Amino acid sequence: SHAERVVKVQEQVRMWRKEGKTRKMCTARPSWKSITQQKIGYKDRFYRVEVDLDQVLDLDTERMEVTVEPSVCIGFLNRFLVSRGFTLPVVPELDMLTIGGLVMGGGIESTSHKYGLFHHFCVEFEVVTADGELVVAN
């Protein structure tokens, strides 16, 4: 379940703290899943956290809200929504960008002049803090 996958992230963050926080932390997402062509060598030195959060969790058609995990790719989400008669106000053109990356990186698209950046139309976030706590921001 989503809650169990989030607990796994929290446990890894708490283990990083227990080890003494001697290394910077990053996701364990492999280089081949990145949109860059360069080798992402910095991750070799960092404490890597497995973030296995790549599911569409819910589509509430009455509230017009979709709940997704951060590793869902925008291309997958867009196809999921369009097949059900919906879309997002801002849909970046690179299908492999993740929802988490768009939120953290200020996802922008040609409709952003009207609807804002990707994170502007998100209504809630779950964040695992550096001490391993889960915060719901809405």
N, C-alpha and C. Protein backbone atom coordinates (compact mmCIF):
# COMPACT_ATOMS: atom_id res chain seq x y z
N SER A 1 0.83 -1.20 0.00
CA SER A 1 0.00 0.00 0.00
C SER A 1 0.88 1.26 0.00
N HIS A 2 0.26 2.38 -0.31
CA HIS A 2 0.98 3.66 -0.31
C HIS A 2 1.60 3.93 1.06
N ALA A 3 0.81 3.74 2.10
CA ALA A 3 1.31 4.01 3.46
C ALA A 3 2.53 3.15 3.78
N GLU A 4 2.52 1.90 3.38
CA GLU A 4 3.66 1.01 3.64
C GLU A 4 4.90 1.46 2.86
N ARG A 5 4.71 1.92 1.64
CA ARG A 5 5.85 2.39 0.84
C ARG A 5 6.43 3.68 1.44
N VAL A 6 5.59 4.53 1.97
CA VAL A 6 6.07 5.76 2.62
C VAL A 6 6.85 5.41 3.89
N VAL A 7 6.36 4.44 4.65
CA VAL A 7 7.08 3.99 5.86
C VAL A 7 8.48 3.51 5.50
N LYS A 8 8.63 2.82 4.37
CA LYS A 8 9.96 2.36 3.94
C LYS A 8 10.90 3.55 3.69
N VAL A 9 10.38 4.62 3.11
CA VAL A 9 11.19 5.83 2.91
C VAL A 9 11.56 6.41 4.27
N GLN A 10 10.60 6.52 5.16
CA GLN A 10 10.86 7.05 6.50
C GLN A 10 11.93 6.24 7.22
N GLU A 11 11.86 4.92 7.12
CA GLU A 11 12.85 4.06 7.78
C GLU A 11 14.25 4.31 7.24
N GLN A 12 14.37 4.50 5.92
CA GLN A 12 15.68 4.77 5.33
C GLN A 12 16.25 6.10 5.79
N VAL A 13 15.38 7.10 5.90
CA VAL A 13 15.83 8.41 6.37
C VAL A 13 16.27 8.32 7.83
N ARG A 14 15.53 7.59 8.62
CA ARG A 14 15.91 7.43 10.03
C ARG A 14 17.24 6.68 10.16
N MET A 15 17.48 5.71 9.27
CA MET A 15 18.75 4.98 9.28
C MET A 15 19.90 5.93 8.93
N TRP A 16 19.68 6.83 7.98
CA TRP A 16 20.69 7.84 7.62
C TRP A 16 21.05 8.67 8.84
N ARG A 17 20.04 9.07 9.61
CA ARG A 17 20.29 9.84 10.83
C ARG A 17 21.08 9.01 11.84
N LYS A 18 20.70 7.73 11.97
CA LYS A 18 21.37 6.84 12.93
C LYS A 18 22.84 6.66 12.56
N GLU A 19 23.13 6.65 11.24
CA GLU A 19 24.51 6.51 10.78
C GLU A 19 25.33 7.77 11.01
N GLY A 20 24.67 8.85 11.40
CA GLY A 20 25.39 10.07 11.74
C GLY A 20 25.29 11.19 10.72
N LYS A 21 24.50 11.02 9.68
CA LYS A 21 24.29 12.07 8.67
C LYS A 21 25.61 12.55 8.06
N THR A 22 26.56 11.64 7.89
CA THR A 22 27.88 12.03 7.39
C THR A 22 27.90 12.28 5.89
N ARG A 23 26.92 11.74 5.18
CA ARG A 23 26.82 11.95 3.73
C ARG A 23 25.54 12.69 3.41
N LYS A 24 25.56 13.41 2.29
CA LYS A 24 24.33 14.02 1.81
C LYS A 24 23.40 12.90 1.35
N MET A 25 22.12 13.22 1.30
CA MET A 25 21.12 12.23 0.93
C MET A 25 20.57 12.55 -0.46
N CYS A 26 20.23 11.50 -1.21
CA CYS A 26 19.60 11.66 -2.52
C CYS A 26 18.73 10.43 -2.79
N THR A 27 17.96 10.47 -3.85
CA THR A 27 17.19 9.28 -4.20
C THR A 27 18.11 8.27 -4.86
N ALA A 28 17.70 7.04 -4.84
CA ALA A 28 18.47 5.96 -5.47
C ALA A 28 18.07 5.76 -6.92
N ARG A 29 17.31 6.69 -7.47
CA ARG A 29 16.88 6.58 -8.87
C ARG A 29 18.11 6.45 -9.76
N PRO A 30 18.18 5.41 -10.59
CA PRO A 30 19.38 5.20 -11.41
C PRO A 30 19.53 6.24 -12.53
N SER A 31 20.75 6.42 -12.97
CA SER A 31 21.05 7.40 -14.02
C SER A 31 20.24 7.17 -15.28
N TRP A 32 20.00 5.92 -15.64
CA TRP A 32 19.29 5.64 -16.89
C TRP A 32 17.84 6.11 -16.86
N LYS A 33 17.31 6.38 -15.67
CA LYS A 33 15.95 6.91 -15.57
C LYS A 33 15.93 8.44 -15.60
N SER A 34 17.07 9.05 -15.64
CA SER A 34 17.17 10.51 -15.64
C SER A 34 17.04 11.05 -17.05
N ILE A 35 16.67 12.32 -17.17
CA ILE A 35 16.55 12.91 -18.51
C ILE A 35 17.88 13.47 -19.00
N THR A 36 18.91 13.43 -18.17
CA THR A 36 20.22 13.91 -18.59
C THR A 36 20.99 12.79 -19.29
N GLN A 37 21.88 13.17 -20.19
CA GLN A 37 22.72 12.18 -20.86
C GLN A 37 24.02 11.95 -20.11
N GLN A 38 24.26 12.75 -19.09
CA GLN A 38 25.50 12.64 -18.33
C GLN A 38 25.39 11.58 -17.25
N LYS A 39 26.52 10.99 -16.89
CA LYS A 39 26.54 10.06 -15.77
C LYS A 39 26.34 10.87 -14.50
N ILE A 40 25.47 10.39 -13.67
CA ILE A 40 25.19 11.10 -12.42
C ILE A 40 26.10 10.52 -11.34
N GLY A 41 27.35 10.95 -11.32
CA GLY A 41 28.36 10.40 -10.43
C GLY A 41 28.24 10.80 -8.99
N TYR A 42 27.60 11.94 -8.71
CA TYR A 42 27.52 12.40 -7.34
C TYR A 42 26.78 11.40 -6.44
N LYS A 43 25.88 10.63 -7.01
CA LYS A 43 25.10 9.69 -6.21
C LYS A 43 25.98 8.59 -5.62
N ASP A 44 27.13 8.35 -6.22
CA ASP A 44 28.03 7.32 -5.71
C ASP A 44 28.51 7.67 -4.30
N ARG A 45 28.59 8.94 -3.98
CA ARG A 45 29.09 9.39 -2.67
C ARG A 45 27.98 9.66 -1.66
N PHE A 46 26.75 9.71 -2.12
CA PHE A 46 25.63 10.09 -1.27
C PHE A 46 24.93 8.88 -0.66
N TYR A 47 24.16 9.13 0.37
CA TYR A 47 23.29 8.13 0.98
C TYR A 47 22.03 8.06 0.12
N ARG A 48 21.82 6.92 -0.50
CA ARG A 48 20.72 6.79 -1.47
C ARG A 48 19.47 6.19 -0.82
N VAL A 49 18.35 6.84 -1.05
CA VAL A 49 17.07 6.40 -0.51
C VAL A 49 16.21 5.85 -1.65
N GLU A 50 15.80 4.60 -1.52
CA GLU A 50 14.90 3.99 -2.49
C GLU A 50 13.51 4.61 -2.31
N VAL A 51 13.01 5.22 -3.37
CA VAL A 51 11.69 5.85 -3.34
C VAL A 51 10.80 5.10 -4.33
N ASP A 52 10.20 4.03 -3.85
CA ASP A 52 9.36 3.18 -4.69
C ASP A 52 7.92 3.68 -4.62
N LEU A 53 7.70 4.88 -5.17
CA LEU A 53 6.40 5.54 -5.10
C LEU A 53 6.00 5.96 -6.50
N ASP A 54 5.47 5.01 -7.28
CA ASP A 54 5.19 5.29 -8.69
C ASP A 54 3.78 4.88 -9.12
N GLN A 55 2.82 5.07 -8.23
CA GLN A 55 1.46 4.64 -8.51
C GLN A 55 0.47 5.80 -8.60
N VAL A 56 -0.52 5.66 -9.48
CA VAL A 56 -1.68 6.54 -9.45
C VAL A 56 -2.60 5.95 -8.40
N LEU A 57 -2.93 6.72 -7.37
CA LEU A 57 -3.67 6.20 -6.23
C LEU A 57 -5.17 6.39 -6.34
N ASP A 58 -5.61 7.50 -6.92
CA ASP A 58 -7.04 7.79 -6.95
C ASP A 58 -7.36 8.84 -8.00
N LEU A 59 -8.53 8.72 -8.59
CA LEU A 59 -9.08 9.76 -9.45
C LEU A 59 -10.47 10.07 -8.93
N ASP A 60 -10.61 11.25 -8.33
CA ASP A 60 -11.90 11.70 -7.80
C ASP A 60 -12.52 12.60 -8.86
N THR A 61 -13.47 12.04 -9.62
CA THR A 61 -14.06 12.78 -10.74
C THR A 61 -15.00 13.89 -10.28
N GLU A 62 -15.55 13.77 -9.08
CA GLU A 62 -16.41 14.84 -8.56
C GLU A 62 -15.60 16.06 -8.14
N ARG A 63 -14.50 15.83 -7.45
CA ARG A 63 -13.66 16.95 -7.00
C ARG A 63 -12.64 17.37 -8.05
N MET A 64 -12.58 16.58 -9.14
CA MET A 64 -11.61 16.85 -10.22
C MET A 64 -10.18 16.84 -9.68
N GLU A 65 -9.85 15.80 -8.91
CA GLU A 65 -8.52 15.66 -8.32
C GLU A 65 -7.99 14.25 -8.58
N VAL A 66 -6.71 14.20 -8.87
CA VAL A 66 -6.04 12.92 -9.03
C VAL A 66 -4.94 12.86 -7.97
N THR A 67 -4.81 11.71 -7.33
CA THR A 67 -3.79 11.52 -6.30
C THR A 67 -2.74 10.57 -6.86
N VAL A 68 -1.50 11.04 -6.88
CA VAL A 68 -0.41 10.25 -7.44
C VAL A 68 0.79 10.28 -6.52
N GLU A 69 1.65 9.30 -6.70
CA GLU A 69 2.92 9.27 -5.97
C GLU A 69 3.97 10.02 -6.80
N PRO A 70 5.06 10.44 -6.17
CA PRO A 70 6.00 11.34 -6.84
C PRO A 70 6.78 10.76 -8.01
N SER A 71 6.91 9.45 -8.09
CA SER A 71 7.70 8.87 -9.19
C SER A 71 6.86 8.52 -10.42
N VAL A 72 5.59 8.89 -10.42
CA VAL A 72 4.74 8.70 -11.60
C VAL A 72 5.24 9.65 -12.69
N CYS A 73 5.42 9.14 -13.89
CA CYS A 73 5.85 9.98 -15.01
C CYS A 73 4.64 10.73 -15.59
N ILE A 74 4.88 11.96 -16.01
CA ILE A 74 3.81 12.79 -16.54
C ILE A 74 3.17 12.17 -17.78
N GLY A 75 3.94 11.49 -18.60
CA GLY A 75 3.39 10.84 -19.78
C GLY A 75 2.39 9.76 -19.41
N PHE A 76 2.74 8.96 -18.40
CA PHE A 76 1.82 7.92 -17.93
C PHE A 76 0.56 8.56 -17.35
N LEU A 77 0.74 9.58 -16.50
CA LEU A 77 -0.41 10.23 -15.89
C LEU A 77 -1.30 10.87 -16.95
N ASN A 78 -0.70 11.50 -17.93
CA ASN A 78 -1.49 12.14 -18.97
C ASN A 78 -2.32 11.11 -19.75
N ARG A 79 -1.70 9.99 -20.13
CA ARG A 79 -2.45 8.94 -20.84
C ARG A 79 -3.56 8.36 -19.95
N PHE A 80 -3.27 8.18 -18.68
CA PHE A 80 -4.27 7.68 -17.72
C PHE A 80 -5.47 8.62 -17.67
N LEU A 81 -5.21 9.91 -17.57
CA LEU A 81 -6.31 10.89 -17.46
C LEU A 81 -7.08 11.04 -18.77
N VAL A 82 -6.36 11.16 -19.88
CA VAL A 82 -7.03 11.35 -21.17
C VAL A 82 -7.93 10.16 -21.49
N SER A 83 -7.50 8.96 -21.15
CA SER A 83 -8.33 7.77 -21.42
C SER A 83 -9.63 7.79 -20.62
N ARG A 84 -9.68 8.65 -19.61
CA ARG A 84 -10.87 8.76 -18.78
C ARG A 84 -11.59 10.10 -18.99
N GLY A 85 -11.14 10.85 -20.01
CA GLY A 85 -11.81 12.11 -20.36
C GLY A 85 -11.34 13.32 -19.58
N PHE A 86 -10.14 13.26 -18.99
CA PHE A 86 -9.61 14.37 -18.20
C PHE A 86 -8.22 14.74 -18.68
N THR A 87 -7.75 15.87 -18.23
CA THR A 87 -6.36 16.28 -18.46
C THR A 87 -5.96 17.25 -17.36
N LEU A 88 -4.69 17.59 -17.33
CA LEU A 88 -4.17 18.58 -16.38
C LEU A 88 -4.05 19.93 -17.08
N PRO A 89 -4.09 21.02 -16.33
CA PRO A 89 -3.95 22.33 -16.96
C PRO A 89 -2.56 22.59 -17.53
N VAL A 90 -1.54 21.96 -16.96
CA VAL A 90 -0.17 22.10 -17.44
C VAL A 90 0.37 20.69 -17.69
N VAL A 91 0.71 20.39 -18.95
CA VAL A 91 1.22 19.06 -19.31
C VAL A 91 2.56 19.23 -20.02
N PRO A 92 3.66 19.07 -19.31
CA PRO A 92 4.98 19.16 -19.95
C PRO A 92 5.12 18.14 -21.07
N GLU A 93 5.95 18.47 -22.06
CA GLU A 93 6.08 17.65 -23.26
C GLU A 93 6.99 16.44 -23.09
N LEU A 94 7.86 16.45 -22.11
CA LEU A 94 8.77 15.32 -21.91
C LEU A 94 8.08 14.28 -21.03
N ASP A 95 7.68 13.18 -21.63
CA ASP A 95 6.88 12.15 -20.94
C ASP A 95 7.57 11.54 -19.72
N MET A 96 8.88 11.53 -19.67
CA MET A 96 9.59 10.86 -18.59
C MET A 96 9.79 11.71 -17.34
N LEU A 97 9.37 12.97 -17.37
CA LEU A 97 9.48 13.80 -16.17
C LEU A 97 8.54 13.26 -15.10
N THR A 98 9.02 13.18 -13.88
CA THR A 98 8.17 12.66 -12.81
C THR A 98 7.39 13.79 -12.16
N ILE A 99 6.29 13.43 -11.52
CA ILE A 99 5.48 14.41 -10.83
C ILE A 99 6.30 15.07 -9.72
N GLY A 100 7.06 14.28 -8.97
CA GLY A 100 7.92 14.84 -7.93
C GLY A 100 8.94 15.81 -8.50
N GLY A 101 9.52 15.48 -9.63
CA GLY A 101 10.48 16.36 -10.28
C GLY A 101 9.84 17.65 -10.76
N LEU A 102 8.62 17.54 -11.29
CA LEU A 102 7.92 18.74 -11.76
C LEU A 102 7.56 19.66 -10.59
N VAL A 103 7.17 19.07 -9.48
CA VAL A 103 6.83 19.87 -8.30
C VAL A 103 8.08 20.55 -7.75
N MET A 104 9.16 19.78 -7.58
CA MET A 104 10.39 20.33 -6.99
C MET A 104 11.14 21.24 -7.95
N GLY A 105 10.99 21.00 -9.25
CA GLY A 105 11.75 21.76 -10.24
C GLY A 105 10.96 22.87 -10.90
N GLY A 106 9.75 23.15 -10.43
CA GLY A 106 8.97 24.24 -11.01
C GLY A 106 8.53 23.95 -12.43
N GLY A 107 7.92 22.78 -12.66
CA GLY A 107 7.49 22.37 -14.00
C GLY A 107 6.74 23.47 -14.74
N ILE A 108 7.17 23.74 -15.96
CA ILE A 108 6.59 24.81 -16.77
C ILE A 108 6.24 24.27 -18.15
N GLU A 109 5.23 24.84 -18.76
CA GLU A 109 4.79 24.43 -20.09
C GLU A 109 4.14 25.64 -20.74
N SER A 110 3.78 25.51 -22.00
CA SER A 110 3.24 26.65 -22.75
C SER A 110 1.95 27.19 -22.14
N THR A 111 1.21 26.38 -21.39
CA THR A 111 -0.01 26.89 -20.75
C THR A 111 0.26 27.51 -19.38
N SER A 112 1.52 27.54 -18.95
CA SER A 112 1.85 28.07 -17.63
C SER A 112 1.55 29.56 -17.50
N HIS A 113 1.54 30.30 -18.62
CA HIS A 113 1.20 31.73 -18.54
C HIS A 113 -0.23 31.92 -18.04
N LYS A 114 -1.06 30.89 -18.23
CA LYS A 114 -2.46 30.97 -17.81
C LYS A 114 -2.71 30.24 -16.48
N TYR A 115 -2.08 29.07 -16.30
CA TYR A 115 -2.37 28.23 -15.14
C TYR A 115 -1.26 28.18 -14.11
N GLY A 116 -0.11 28.76 -14.39
CA GLY A 116 1.00 28.75 -13.45
C GLY A 116 1.91 27.55 -13.63
N LEU A 117 2.82 27.40 -12.71
CA LEU A 117 3.75 26.27 -12.73
C LEU A 117 3.03 25.03 -12.21
N PHE A 118 3.64 23.88 -12.42
CA PHE A 118 2.99 22.62 -12.09
C PHE A 118 2.51 22.57 -10.64
N HIS A 119 3.35 23.01 -9.73
CA HIS A 119 2.99 22.93 -8.31
C HIS A 119 1.87 23.90 -7.91
N HIS A 120 1.55 24.87 -8.75
CA HIS A 120 0.51 25.84 -8.42
C HIS A 120 -0.88 25.23 -8.39
N PHE A 121 -1.12 24.14 -9.10
CA PHE A 121 -2.46 23.55 -9.07
C PHE A 121 -2.51 22.25 -8.27
N CYS A 122 -1.44 21.96 -7.55
CA CYS A 122 -1.46 20.82 -6.63
C CYS A 122 -2.11 21.25 -5.32
N VAL A 123 -2.93 20.39 -4.73
CA VAL A 123 -3.68 20.79 -3.53
C VAL A 123 -3.12 20.20 -2.24
N GLU A 124 -2.27 19.17 -2.35
CA GLU A 124 -1.72 18.58 -1.13
C GLU A 124 -0.44 17.83 -1.46
N PHE A 125 0.49 17.86 -0.51
CA PHE A 125 1.75 17.14 -0.64
C PHE A 125 2.01 16.35 0.64
N GLU A 126 2.61 15.18 0.50
CA GLU A 126 3.16 14.47 1.64
C GLU A 126 4.67 14.61 1.53
N VAL A 127 5.29 15.01 2.63
CA VAL A 127 6.74 15.23 2.64
C VAL A 127 7.35 14.45 3.79
N VAL A 128 8.37 13.65 3.48
CA VAL A 128 9.15 13.01 4.53
C VAL A 128 10.30 13.95 4.84
N THR A 129 10.34 14.42 6.07
CA THR A 129 11.36 15.39 6.48
C THR A 129 12.69 14.69 6.75
N ALA A 130 13.73 15.47 6.97
CA ALA A 130 15.07 14.92 7.20
C ALA A 130 15.19 14.17 8.52
N ASP A 131 14.19 14.29 9.39
CA ASP A 131 14.21 13.47 10.61
C ASP A 131 13.30 12.25 10.48
N GLY A 132 12.77 12.01 9.27
CA GLY A 132 11.97 10.83 9.01
C GLY A 132 10.50 10.97 9.32
N GLU A 133 10.07 12.16 9.67
CA GLU A 133 8.64 12.38 9.96
C GLU A 133 7.88 12.64 8.67
N LEU A 134 6.60 12.29 8.67
CA LEU A 134 5.73 12.54 7.53
C LEU A 134 4.89 13.78 7.82
N VAL A 135 4.97 14.76 6.93
CA VAL A 135 4.19 15.99 7.06
C VAL A 135 3.25 16.07 5.86
N VAL A 136 1.98 16.36 6.12
CA VAL A 136 1.01 16.58 5.06
C VAL A 136 0.80 18.07 4.96
N ALA A 137 1.12 18.61 3.78
CA ALA A 137 0.99 20.06 3.55
C ALA A 137 -0.14 20.28 2.56
N ASN A 138 -1.11 21.09 2.97
CA ASN A 138 -2.24 21.40 2.08
C ASN A 138 -2.72 22.82 2.30
